[in-house]
Amino acid sequence: MRWENLTDSGHERATDPALFGADAVTTRTFDTPEFRGITFHEVRARSVLNRVPGASRMPFEWTVNPYRGCTHACVYCFARKTHSYLDLDTGLGFDSQIVVKVNAPELLRRQLASRRWQGEHVAMGTNVDCYQRAEGRYRLMPGIIAALTERANPFSILTKGTLILRDLDLLTRAARVTDVGISVSVGFTDPDLWRTVEPGTPAPERRLEVVRTLGEHGIGCGVLMAPVIPFLSDQPDRLRATVRAIAASGATSVTPLVLHLRPGAREWFMAWLAAHHPHLVRRYEQLYAEGAYAPKWYQRRITRQVHDLAREYGIGPAGAGMPRRIARPGPAGPAPSEPTQLSLI
């Protein structure tokens, strides 16, 4: 495995300092039902605050990713390609070979204390899910949230994991001192599609319970309706059912995102499609003939449909999903305008 030259951007350049060395890797397996067949590579990282490349479409500059690889096993996951940087397989290997940055909380605390750090927004869950099953054993997120809270550093989390509710008290505490944005990913509610395309994730209805519970505790939660999968979850009745369920959960916003197929994910998804829906292979080859993204006309159509449904069901515009901040004591006077939550995609 090429551990030595892995840089914080995920690209290999000989002049960059490595995130960790091969001598810092400990490999473990656990013979318990929830972790059977999964290998964990425990590393002591040298950096955990990652700058997003300037060419990225992301609206934030910094991320924290305590894990690489993900047991959610979503067949479309765009992060699959990153496993190839470690000479790990981007298919089953991505689902079962999990890199764990065991020192992430202490390292983040040290990096946030640096004079060079300006307190910028930190996004989490943008590469792989920080609340995947591994988090139940390694418990890295409580220390990460605590480090950000100590510095009143704004942050956001995107997740498909119900484990985030374990840290509800920590998130509530953080929301008293800084901007906290939480989004849950629910692309569709069809149970048969969920079981085959996202086999390691909690069911969509369980994720929407997370949205409801966070809202009941004063933490507004948006839903990233992602991905909308062409010809499988984009039918008008399925879009309506999903938006209706999202609205019933009390989500502050819904943001649709059409499936994109980057290298690494594309090959794995198309193999899955050929096995489960062979009649759609040619249609996908045509729709994605120009690259990783569906045509603009298709993306605009889906966005318009979802926004129309959101208005019908009383959800605000997709860009207006903001955390419902827990009130903080302050001087009397006009209430400050509420900060806008950064979108995670």
Foldseek 3Di string as FASTA:
>chain_A
DPQQQQALQLDGDPVGGGQFDPVQWDKDFDPDVLQPQAIEIEGATPDFWGAHDPPDPAPFGTEGEQKFAALLQQLQQPLLVSVVSVVAASHVRSNGYMYGNLCRLVRLLVVCPDPPDDLGEYEYCLRHAPQGPVCVPSVPVVSNLVSCQVVLRHYEYEHLAPCVVVCLVSVLSSLQRHFYAYEYEAQFQDPVCCCQRRVRGDHNLSSLLSQLVSVVSQWAYAYENPACEPPPQQPLVGLLVGLLSNLVSVHQAYHYHYRFHAPSSNVSVLVSCCVPPVVCNVVVCVQQVPHGDGDPVVVVVSRVSNQVSNVVSPHDYRQQRGTRGDDYDDDDDDDDDGDGDGDSD
